[in-house]
Amino acid sequence: MRPEDRPPVEGRKKRSAPRRHPRATDAIAARFHVVHFSLQEDHVHLLVEAADARALSAGMRRLVIRLANRINRAVRHSRHGKVWGDRYHRRDLDSPTAVRNALVYVLQNGRKHGRVDRDMLDPFSSADEFDGWADLPRDDDIPPLAPRTWLLGVGWIRAGGRIRLAESPRT
């Protein structure tokens, strides 16, 4: 429940709602979309869709702020320093082969780091929500992530078919 939705408590001054620009945040959300992720010990891999460079920049900025706030809130005072380092690597994916390779790399990255055994899904990734496994039945209770672009939606399948659990990321 958001603070502004809570009923007022006797003796406590009601806080004003945080200043938000709904049109700006809605526009960012419509133009920036995290499709897949993989959490590692000291880094994160993301596959995102963005309408253009400006949407990517604004969306990443918004994502980093939200993650930092949640991490700081979760660990309270047991950490200090930046949550998100200055290093950032971006690679634009412009072909079905590049997208398929990136999907294998992100979704199977736990295997590369020795955290996940063969024929298992990485629990620290969006692999469970991925609908493109060749040798895994789809769980209808989990709604698939919905990519907005043709390349991340179905285009990558043309570059080698659905991904097998035994595939490993190329280093």
C-alpha atoms as a PDB file:
ATOM      1  CA  MET A   1       0.000   0.000   0.000  1.00  0.00           C
ATOM      2  CA  ARG A   2       1.365   3.407  -0.923  1.00  0.00           C
ATOM      3  CA  PRO A   3       1.659   6.019   1.851  1.00  0.00           C
ATOM      4  CA  GLU A   4      -0.914   8.266   0.206  1.00  0.00           C
ATOM      5  CA  ASP A   5      -3.455   5.390   0.175  1.00  0.00           C
ATOM      6  CA  ARG A   6      -3.196   4.659   3.909  1.00  0.00           C
ATOM      7  CA  PRO A   7      -5.916   6.009   6.187  1.00  0.00           C
ATOM      8  CA  PRO A   8      -4.739   8.870   8.396  1.00  0.00           C
ATOM      9  CA  VAL A   9      -3.588   7.870  11.873  1.00  0.00           C
ATOM     10  CA  GLU A  10      -4.459   9.995  14.890  1.00  0.00           C
ATOM     11  CA  GLY A  11      -1.581  12.259  15.851  1.00  0.00           C
ATOM     12  CA  ARG A  12       0.319  11.701  12.608  1.00  0.00           C
ATOM     13  CA  LYS A  13       0.470  14.399  10.021  1.00  0.00           C
ATOM     14  CA  LYS A  14      -0.711  13.220   6.620  1.00  0.00           C
ATOM     15  CA  ARG A  15       2.124  13.194   4.102  1.00  0.00           C
ATOM     16  CA  SER A  16       1.546  14.723   0.766  1.00  0.00           C
ATOM     17  CA  ALA A  17       1.821  12.415  -2.199  1.00  0.00           C
ATOM     18  CA  PRO A  18       5.221  12.381  -3.870  1.00  0.00           C
ATOM     19  CA  ARG A  19       5.479  14.678  -6.839  1.00  0.00           C
ATOM     20  CA  ARG A  20       5.105  12.639  -9.968  1.00  0.00           C
ATOM     21  CA  HIS A  21       4.572  13.476 -13.555  1.00  0.00           C
ATOM     22  CA  PRO A  22       2.236  10.683 -14.651  1.00  0.00           C
ATOM     23  CA  ARG A  23       2.532  11.506 -18.300  1.00  0.00           C
ATOM     24  CA  ALA A  24       6.318  11.329 -18.175  1.00  0.00           C
ATOM     25  CA  THR A  25       6.439   7.996 -16.324  1.00  0.00           C
ATOM     26  CA  ASP A  26       3.700   6.491 -18.486  1.00  0.00           C
ATOM     27  CA  ALA A  27       5.566   7.600 -21.593  1.00  0.00           C
ATOM     28  CA  ILE A  28       8.796   6.009 -20.332  1.00  0.00           C
ATOM     29  CA  ALA A  29       6.997   2.774 -19.500  1.00  0.00           C
ATOM     30  CA  ALA A  30       5.459   2.683 -22.961  1.00  0.00           C
ATOM     31  CA  ARG A  31       8.829   3.221 -24.652  1.00  0.00           C
ATOM     32  CA  PHE A  32      11.115   1.106 -22.407  1.00  0.00           C
ATOM     33  CA  HIS A  33      10.576  -2.511 -21.406  1.00  0.00           C
ATOM     34  CA  VAL A  34      12.760  -5.028 -19.526  1.00  0.00           C
ATOM     35  CA  VAL A  35      12.119  -8.344 -21.262  1.00  0.00           C
ATOM     36  CA  HIS A  36      14.676 -10.713 -19.660  1.00  0.00           C
ATOM     37  CA  PHE A  37      17.234 -10.537 -16.871  1.00  0.00           C
ATOM     38  CA  SER A  38      19.893 -12.569 -15.115  1.00  0.00           C
ATOM     39  CA  LEU A  39      21.231 -11.660 -11.666  1.00  0.00           C
ATOM     40  CA  GLN A  40      24.842 -12.554 -10.938  1.00  0.00           C
ATOM     41  CA  GLU A  41      26.875 -12.038  -7.758  1.00  0.00           C
ATOM     42  CA  ASP A  42      28.313  -8.728  -8.878  1.00  0.00           C
ATOM     43  CA  HIS A  43      26.482  -7.772 -12.052  1.00  0.00           C
ATOM     44  CA  VAL A  44      23.189  -7.942 -13.900  1.00  0.00           C
ATOM     45  CA  HIS A  45      22.398  -8.852 -17.489  1.00  0.00           C
ATOM     46  CA  LEU A  46      19.315  -7.273 -19.038  1.00  0.00           C
ATOM     47  CA  LEU A  47      17.577  -7.627 -22.370  1.00  0.00           C
ATOM     48  CA  VAL A  48      15.489  -4.523 -22.853  1.00  0.00           C
ATOM     49  CA  GLU A  49      13.437  -2.987 -25.605  1.00  0.00           C
ATOM     50  CA  ALA A  50      13.499   0.743 -26.131  1.00  0.00           C
ATOM     51  CA  ALA A  51      11.908   2.891 -28.790  1.00  0.00           C
ATOM     52  CA  ASP A  52      15.040   5.031 -29.178  1.00  0.00           C
ATOM     53  CA  ALA A  53      18.204   6.168 -27.357  1.00  0.00           C
ATOM     54  CA  ARG A  54      16.315   8.717 -25.279  1.00  0.00           C
ATOM     55  CA  ALA A  55      13.792   6.107 -24.093  1.00  0.00           C
ATOM     56  CA  LEU A  56      16.654   3.738 -23.255  1.00  0.00           C
ATOM     57  CA  SER A  57      18.457   6.388 -21.225  1.00  0.00           C
ATOM     58  CA  ALA A  58      15.336   7.469 -19.329  1.00  0.00           C
ATOM     59  CA  GLY A  59      14.202   3.884 -18.752  1.00  0.00           C
ATOM     60  CA  MET A  60      17.593   2.738 -17.464  1.00  0.00           C
ATOM     61  CA  ARG A  61      17.838   5.779 -15.206  1.00  0.00           C
ATOM     62  CA  ARG A  62      14.392   5.031 -13.784  1.00  0.00           C
ATOM     63  CA  LEU A  63      15.211   1.331 -13.333  1.00  0.00           C
ATOM     64  CA  VAL A  64      18.519   2.040 -11.558  1.00  0.00           C
ATOM     65  CA  ILE A  65      16.876   4.480  -9.140  1.00  0.00           C
ATOM     66  CA  ARG A  66      14.055   2.066  -8.314  1.00  0.00           C
ATOM     67  CA  LEU A  67      16.447  -0.853  -7.769  1.00  0.00           C
ATOM     68  CA  ALA A  68      18.786   1.223  -5.589  1.00  0.00           C
ATOM     69  CA  ASN A  69      15.892   2.439  -3.443  1.00  0.00           C
ATOM     70  CA  ARG A  70      14.554  -1.091  -2.945  1.00  0.00           C
ATOM     71  CA  ILE A  71      17.969  -2.581  -2.198  1.00  0.00           C
ATOM     72  CA  ASN A  72      18.775   0.174   0.296  1.00  0.00           C
ATOM     73  CA  ARG A  73      15.380  -0.267   1.944  1.00  0.00           C
ATOM     74  CA  ALA A  74      15.854  -4.057   2.157  1.00  0.00           C
ATOM     75  CA  VAL A  75      19.332  -4.018   3.694  1.00  0.00           C
ATOM     76  CA  ARG A  76      18.762  -0.866   5.755  1.00  0.00           C
ATOM     77  CA  HIS A  77      22.016   0.349   7.294  1.00  0.00           C
ATOM     78  CA  SER A  78      24.209  -2.667   6.604  1.00  0.00           C
ATOM     79  CA  ARG A  79      25.695  -1.216   3.425  1.00  0.00           C
ATOM     80  CA  HIS A  80      26.963   2.043   2.040  1.00  0.00           C
ATOM     81  CA  GLY A  81      28.228   3.311  -1.259  1.00  0.00           C
ATOM     82  CA  LYS A  82      26.772   3.140  -4.715  1.00  0.00           C
ATOM     83  CA  VAL A  83      24.400   0.332  -5.588  1.00  0.00           C
ATOM     84  CA  TRP A  84      24.978   0.695  -9.295  1.00  0.00           C
ATOM     85  CA  GLY A  85      28.526   1.125 -10.518  1.00  0.00           C
ATOM     86  CA  ASP A  86      29.599   3.386 -13.305  1.00  0.00           C
ATOM     87  CA  ARG A  87      30.333   0.523 -15.675  1.00  0.00           C
ATOM     88  CA  TYR A  88      27.658  -0.068 -18.229  1.00  0.00           C
ATOM     89  CA  HIS A  89      27.864  -2.027 -21.444  1.00  0.00           C
ATOM     90  CA  ARG A  90      25.270  -1.627 -24.118  1.00  0.00           C
ATOM     91  CA  ARG A  91      24.965  -3.665 -27.261  1.00  0.00           C
ATOM     92  CA  ASP A  92      22.262  -3.030 -29.821  1.00  0.00           C
ATOM     93  CA  LEU A  93      20.829  -6.248 -31.248  1.00  0.00           C
ATOM     94  CA  ASP A  94      19.817  -5.883 -34.865  1.00  0.00           C
ATOM     95  CA  SER A  95      19.475  -9.413 -36.225  1.00  0.00           C
ATOM     96  CA  PRO A  96      17.665 -12.627 -35.275  1.00  0.00           C
ATOM     97  CA  THR A  97      21.016 -14.360 -34.681  1.00  0.00           C
ATOM     98  CA  ALA A  98      22.237 -11.602 -32.350  1.00  0.00           C
ATOM     99  CA  VAL A  99      18.985 -11.737 -30.374  1.00  0.00           C
ATOM    100  CA  ARG A 100      19.049 -15.544 -30.095  1.00  0.00           C
ATOM    101  CA  ASN A 101      22.680 -15.495 -28.911  1.00  0.00           C
ATOM    102  CA  ALA A 102      21.810 -12.795 -26.359  1.00  0.00           C
ATOM    103  CA  LEU A 103      18.839 -14.817 -25.092  1.00  0.00           C
ATOM    104  CA  VAL A 104      21.062 -17.876 -24.574  1.00  0.00           C
ATOM    105  CA  TYR A 105      23.711 -15.719 -22.894  1.00  0.00           C
ATOM    106  CA  VAL A 106      21.310 -14.018 -20.475  1.00  0.00           C
ATOM    107  CA  LEU A 107      19.040 -16.948 -19.659  1.00  0.00           C
ATOM    108  CA  GLN A 108      21.850 -19.525 -19.389  1.00  0.00           C
ATOM    109  CA  ASN A 109      24.440 -17.271 -17.706  1.00  0.00           C
ATOM    110  CA  GLY A 110      24.163 -19.117 -14.394  1.00  0.00           C
ATOM    111  CA  ARG A 111      25.665 -22.160 -16.105  1.00  0.00           C
ATOM    112  CA  LYS A 112      28.603 -20.090 -17.343  1.00  0.00           C
ATOM    113  CA  HIS A 113      29.331 -19.010 -13.757  1.00  0.00           C
ATOM    114  CA  GLY A 114      28.926 -22.555 -12.383  1.00  0.00           C
ATOM    115  CA  ARG A 115      25.731 -21.864 -10.398  1.00  0.00           C
ATOM    116  CA  VAL A 116      23.334 -23.917 -12.488  1.00  0.00           C
ATOM    117  CA  ASP A 117      23.620 -27.552 -13.547  1.00  0.00           C
ATOM    118  CA  ARG A 118      22.859 -28.871 -17.009  1.00  0.00           C
ATOM    119  CA  ASP A 119      19.147 -29.204 -17.824  1.00  0.00           C
ATOM    120  CA  MET A 120      18.138 -26.752 -15.081  1.00  0.00           C
ATOM    121  CA  LEU A 121      16.733 -23.247 -15.241  1.00  0.00           C
ATOM    122  CA  ASP A 122      18.603 -20.431 -13.537  1.00  0.00           C
ATOM    123  CA  PRO A 123      16.453 -19.383 -10.557  1.00  0.00           C
ATOM    124  CA  PHE A 124      18.062 -15.914 -10.593  1.00  0.00           C
ATOM    125  CA  SER A 125      16.877 -15.124 -14.090  1.00  0.00           C
ATOM    126  CA  SER A 126      13.673 -14.773 -16.056  1.00  0.00           C
ATOM    127  CA  ALA A 127      14.264 -18.238 -17.591  1.00  0.00           C
ATOM    128  CA  ASP A 128      11.141 -19.630 -15.916  1.00  0.00           C
ATOM    129  CA  GLU A 129       9.018 -17.000 -17.662  1.00  0.00           C
ATOM    130  CA  PHE A 130      10.615 -17.571 -21.065  1.00  0.00           C
ATOM    131  CA  ASP A 131       8.299 -19.271 -23.545  1.00  0.00           C
ATOM    132  CA  GLY A 132      10.960 -20.298 -26.059  1.00  0.00           C
ATOM    133  CA  TRP A 133      12.443 -23.475 -24.586  1.00  0.00           C
ATOM    134  CA  ALA A 134      12.567 -26.341 -27.063  1.00  0.00           C
ATOM    135  CA  ASP A 135      12.588 -29.152 -24.515  1.00  0.00           C
ATOM    136  CA  LEU A 136      10.479 -27.761 -21.695  1.00  0.00           C
ATOM    137  CA  PRO A 137       6.690 -27.794 -21.531  1.00  0.00           C
ATOM    138  CA  ARG A 138       5.080 -24.437 -20.993  1.00  0.00           C
ATOM    139  CA  ASP A 139       3.554 -23.824 -17.536  1.00  0.00           C
ATOM    140  CA  ASP A 140       0.199 -22.193 -18.234  1.00  0.00           C
ATOM    141  CA  ASP A 141       0.037 -20.824 -14.673  1.00  0.00           C
ATOM    142  CA  ILE A 142       2.936 -18.456 -15.417  1.00  0.00           C
ATOM    143  CA  PRO A 143       2.105 -15.806 -17.998  1.00  0.00           C
ATOM    144  CA  PRO A 144       4.925 -15.370 -20.534  1.00  0.00           C
ATOM    145  CA  LEU A 145       6.743 -12.079 -20.809  1.00  0.00           C
ATOM    146  CA  ALA A 146       5.478 -10.108 -23.761  1.00  0.00           C
ATOM    147  CA  PRO A 147       8.196  -8.642 -25.956  1.00  0.00           C
ATOM    148  CA  ARG A 148       7.009  -5.740 -28.087  1.00  0.00           C
ATOM    149  CA  THR A 149       9.413  -6.119 -30.997  1.00  0.00           C
ATOM    150  CA  TRP A 150       9.416  -8.740 -33.720  1.00  0.00           C
ATOM    151  CA  LEU A 151      13.083  -9.618 -33.043  1.00  0.00           C
ATOM    152  CA  LEU A 152      12.527 -10.510 -29.367  1.00  0.00           C
ATOM    153  CA  GLY A 153       9.040 -11.865 -29.965  1.00  0.00           C
ATOM    154  CA  VAL A 154       9.567 -14.425 -32.740  1.00  0.00           C
ATOM    155  CA  GLY A 155      12.368 -13.246 -35.028  1.00  0.00           C
ATOM    156  CA  TRP A 156      15.106 -14.956 -33.003  1.00  0.00           C
ATOM    157  CA  ILE A 157      13.513 -18.375 -33.644  1.00  0.00           C
ATOM    158  CA  ARG A 158      14.444 -18.060 -37.338  1.00  0.00           C
ATOM    159  CA  ALA A 159      18.127 -17.974 -36.338  1.00  0.00           C
ATOM    160  CA  GLY A 160      18.295 -21.488 -34.928  1.00  0.00           C
ATOM    161  CA  GLY A 161      15.005 -22.522 -33.437  1.00  0.00           C
ATOM    162  CA  ARG A 162      13.871 -22.628 -29.858  1.00  0.00           C
ATOM    163  CA  ILE A 163      16.570 -22.742 -27.186  1.00  0.00           C
ATOM    164  CA  ARG A 164      17.531 -26.107 -25.696  1.00  0.00           C
ATOM    165  CA  LEU A 165      18.282 -26.411 -21.986  1.00  0.00           C
ATOM    166  CA  ALA A 166      21.651 -27.980 -22.840  1.00  0.00           C
ATOM    167  CA  GLU A 167      22.835 -24.877 -24.727  1.00  0.00           C
ATOM    168  CA  SER A 168      25.532 -22.855 -23.026  1.00  0.00           C
ATOM    169  CA  PRO A 169      26.432 -19.219 -23.544  1.00  0.00           C
ATOM    170  CA  ARG A 170      29.369 -18.437 -25.738  1.00  0.00           C
ATOM    171  CA  THR A 171      32.116 -16.661 -23.850  1.00  0.00           C
END
